[in-house]
């Protein structure tokens, strides 16, 4: 007997990746973006989460503070149309919170979207881990260059002096004809 194949929702990965934000040093997705992906209203998603509060500890989901909300609105590159629906502080879901959402939202679309979102979170984590060595090297280079900033400044000031000084006529070197 063949295992049942799940036909994933045809949402481009880039759309989901652009909806992952860094808030409180955590990669999260906002309630209204998830609601849109799951095909439910933000109100229904929040109601469901509140009814199942025990399934969403702070490391799975948290509500933005007003300061975080204002900062996010400025930095998220939202259009005016995007900003109009934002009346309440959004819920932020970590990768585990997104997984838990699929348990409480039991529609087929929620399950399919959840699979896609979790795969993207996993790819992002793998990308970060695979590039950790490169990041460490860059950090080492940055530290070594930071210690030489005065010397680099001296070199540039000497070069500027050479460029600004009028060149003196020098005696030609070579054979006289």
Protein backbone atom coordinates (compact mmCIF):
# COMPACT_ATOMS: atom_id res chain seq x y z
CA UNK A 1 0.00 0.00 0.00
CA UNK A 2 1.43 3.37 -1.07
CA UNK A 3 1.61 6.22 1.43
CA UNK A 4 -0.81 9.04 0.71
CA UNK A 5 0.86 11.90 -1.18
CA UNK A 6 0.08 15.38 0.10
CA UNK A 7 -0.32 17.96 -2.66
CA UNK A 8 1.32 21.04 -1.16
CA UNK A 9 -0.29 24.40 -1.65
CA UNK A 10 1.29 26.25 -4.57
CA UNK A 11 2.59 29.23 -2.66
CA UNK A 12 6.03 30.39 -3.80
CA UNK A 13 8.69 29.94 -1.12
CA UNK A 14 9.71 33.59 -1.50
CA UNK A 15 6.30 34.78 -0.32
CA UNK A 16 6.59 32.75 2.89
CA UNK A 17 10.24 33.71 3.37
CA UNK A 18 9.31 37.39 3.11
CA UNK A 19 6.78 36.88 5.90
CA UNK A 20 9.35 35.62 8.40
CA UNK A 21 10.48 38.44 10.67
CA UNK A 22 13.10 38.76 13.40
CA UNK A 23 11.40 39.90 16.62
CA UNK A 24 12.91 39.44 20.10
CA UNK A 25 15.82 37.65 18.40
CA UNK A 26 13.43 34.95 17.16
CA UNK A 27 12.34 34.12 13.64
CA UNK A 28 8.55 34.49 13.67
CA UNK A 29 5.51 34.75 11.45
CA UNK A 30 2.70 37.21 12.16
CA UNK A 31 -0.88 36.08 12.83
CA UNK A 32 -2.45 37.86 9.86
CA UNK A 33 0.09 36.42 7.38
CA UNK A 34 -0.54 32.91 8.71
CA UNK A 35 -4.31 33.45 8.67
CA UNK A 36 -4.12 34.45 5.01
CA UNK A 37 -2.02 31.37 4.19
CA UNK A 38 -4.37 29.08 6.14
CA UNK A 39 -7.46 30.58 4.52
CA UNK A 40 -9.05 31.80 7.76
CA UNK A 41 -9.68 35.25 9.18
CA UNK A 42 -7.17 36.70 11.62
CA UNK A 43 -10.00 36.98 14.14
CA UNK A 44 -10.75 33.25 13.88
CA UNK A 45 -7.07 32.34 14.16
CA UNK A 46 -6.69 34.46 17.32
CA UNK A 47 -9.89 33.01 18.81
CA UNK A 48 -8.61 29.49 18.21
CA UNK A 49 -5.27 30.31 19.81
CA UNK A 50 -6.96 31.86 22.85
CA UNK A 51 -9.20 28.79 23.24
CA UNK A 52 -6.06 26.62 23.19
CA UNK A 53 -3.77 28.90 25.22
CA UNK A 54 -2.10 25.98 27.04
CA UNK A 55 -0.73 24.76 23.68
CA UNK A 56 1.08 28.04 23.03
CA UNK A 57 3.74 28.79 25.65
CA UNK A 58 5.87 31.95 25.29
CA UNK A 59 8.52 30.20 23.19
CA UNK A 60 5.81 29.13 20.69
CA UNK A 61 3.81 32.37 20.49
CA UNK A 62 3.84 35.85 21.99
CA UNK A 63 1.98 39.11 21.45
CA UNK A 64 4.00 42.11 20.26
CA UNK A 65 4.38 45.07 22.58
CA UNK A 66 3.27 48.46 21.27
CA UNK A 67 6.92 49.50 20.79
CA UNK A 68 7.71 46.32 18.82
CA UNK A 69 4.54 46.80 16.80
CA UNK A 70 5.44 50.38 15.78
CA UNK A 71 9.02 49.37 14.94
CA UNK A 72 7.80 46.38 12.92
CA UNK A 73 5.28 48.51 11.00
CA UNK A 74 8.05 50.93 9.98
CA UNK A 75 10.58 48.27 9.05
CA UNK A 76 8.31 45.71 7.38
CA UNK A 77 7.90 47.74 4.18
CA UNK A 78 4.10 47.67 4.39
CA UNK A 79 1.94 49.52 1.91
CA UNK A 80 -0.85 51.79 3.14
CA UNK A 81 -3.36 49.06 2.25
CA UNK A 82 -1.40 46.60 4.42
CA UNK A 83 -1.40 48.99 7.37
CA UNK A 84 -5.16 49.63 7.36
CA UNK A 85 -6.06 46.21 8.80
CA UNK A 86 -3.64 46.52 11.69
CA UNK A 87 -5.75 47.59 14.66
CA UNK A 88 -4.60 45.10 17.29
CA UNK A 89 -1.18 43.95 18.45
CA UNK A 90 -0.28 40.88 16.36
CA UNK A 91 0.56 37.44 17.67
CA UNK A 92 4.02 36.23 16.64
CA UNK A 93 4.48 32.50 16.06
CA UNK A 94 7.85 30.74 16.18
CA UNK A 95 8.47 27.59 14.16
CA UNK A 96 7.05 25.49 17.00
CA UNK A 97 4.04 27.79 17.23
CA UNK A 98 3.34 27.36 13.51
CA UNK A 99 3.46 23.59 14.01
CA UNK A 100 1.05 23.85 16.93
CA UNK A 101 -1.31 25.96 14.81
CA UNK A 102 -1.73 23.07 12.40
CA UNK A 103 -2.87 20.95 15.36
CA UNK A 104 -5.62 23.39 16.33
CA UNK A 105 -6.58 24.47 12.79
CA UNK A 106 -7.47 21.12 11.32
CA UNK A 107 -8.29 22.05 7.74
CA UNK A 108 -6.48 20.35 4.88
CA UNK A 109 -5.12 23.73 3.74
CA UNK A 110 -3.71 24.43 7.22
CA UNK A 111 -1.87 21.10 7.18
CA UNK A 112 -0.47 21.66 3.67
CA UNK A 113 0.64 25.21 4.44
CA UNK A 114 2.17 24.09 7.72
CA UNK A 115 4.29 21.46 5.95
CA UNK A 116 5.56 24.11 3.51
CA UNK A 117 6.30 26.67 6.24
CA UNK A 118 8.17 24.13 8.40
CA UNK A 119 10.28 23.08 5.40
CA UNK A 120 11.21 26.72 4.80
CA UNK A 121 12.12 27.25 8.48
CA UNK A 122 14.27 24.10 8.27
CA UNK A 123 15.99 25.30 5.10
CA UNK A 124 16.73 28.67 6.73
CA UNK A 125 18.25 26.93 9.76
CA UNK A 126 20.37 24.66 7.53
CA UNK A 127 21.52 27.67 5.51
CA UNK A 128 22.60 29.49 8.66
CA UNK A 129 24.42 26.42 10.00
CA UNK A 130 26.18 25.72 6.70
CA UNK A 131 27.40 29.31 6.52
CA UNK A 132 28.48 29.47 10.15
CA UNK A 133 32.14 28.90 9.21
CA UNK A 134 32.02 31.76 6.71
CA UNK A 135 30.45 34.02 9.34
CA UNK A 136 33.16 33.10 11.85
CA UNK A 137 35.90 33.89 9.29
CA UNK A 138 34.27 37.25 8.52
CA UNK A 139 34.12 37.99 12.22
CA UNK A 140 37.85 37.20 12.58
CA UNK A 141 38.69 39.45 9.62
CA UNK A 142 36.55 42.23 11.07
CA UNK A 143 38.36 41.97 14.41
CA UNK A 144 41.80 42.03 12.76
CA UNK A 145 40.91 45.03 10.58
CA UNK A 146 39.41 46.90 13.53
CA UNK A 147 42.79 46.90 15.28
CA UNK A 148 44.48 48.47 12.25
CA UNK A 149 42.10 51.33 11.61
CA UNK A 150 44.65 53.97 12.73
CA UNK A 151 47.31 52.57 10.39
CA UNK A 152 44.84 52.48 7.50
CA UNK A 153 43.87 56.08 8.25
CA UNK A 154 47.58 57.10 8.20
CA UNK A 155 48.07 55.39 4.83
CA UNK A 156 45.07 57.19 3.34
CA UNK A 157 46.16 60.57 4.69
CA UNK A 158 49.68 60.04 3.22
CA UNK A 159 48.14 59.11 -0.13
CA UNK A 160 45.95 62.24 -0.06
CA UNK A 161 49.02 64.40 0.63
CA UNK A 162 50.82 62.84 -2.32
CA UNK A 163 47.85 63.47 -4.60
CA UNK A 164 47.39 67.06 -3.44
CA UNK A 165 51.06 68.09 -3.68
CA UNK A 166 52.05 69.58 -7.01
CA UNK A 167 54.63 67.38 -8.62
CA UNK A 168 58.09 68.96 -8.90
CA UNK A 169 59.91 69.04 -12.22
CA UNK A 170 62.57 66.44 -11.94
CA UNK A 171 65.71 66.13 -13.93
CA UNK A 172 65.31 63.59 -16.70
CA UNK A 173 67.09 60.35 -16.21
CA UNK A 174 68.70 58.51 -19.09
CA UNK A 175 71.02 59.05 -22.04
CA UNK A 176 71.40 62.45 -23.55
CA UNK A 177 71.25 62.53 -27.27
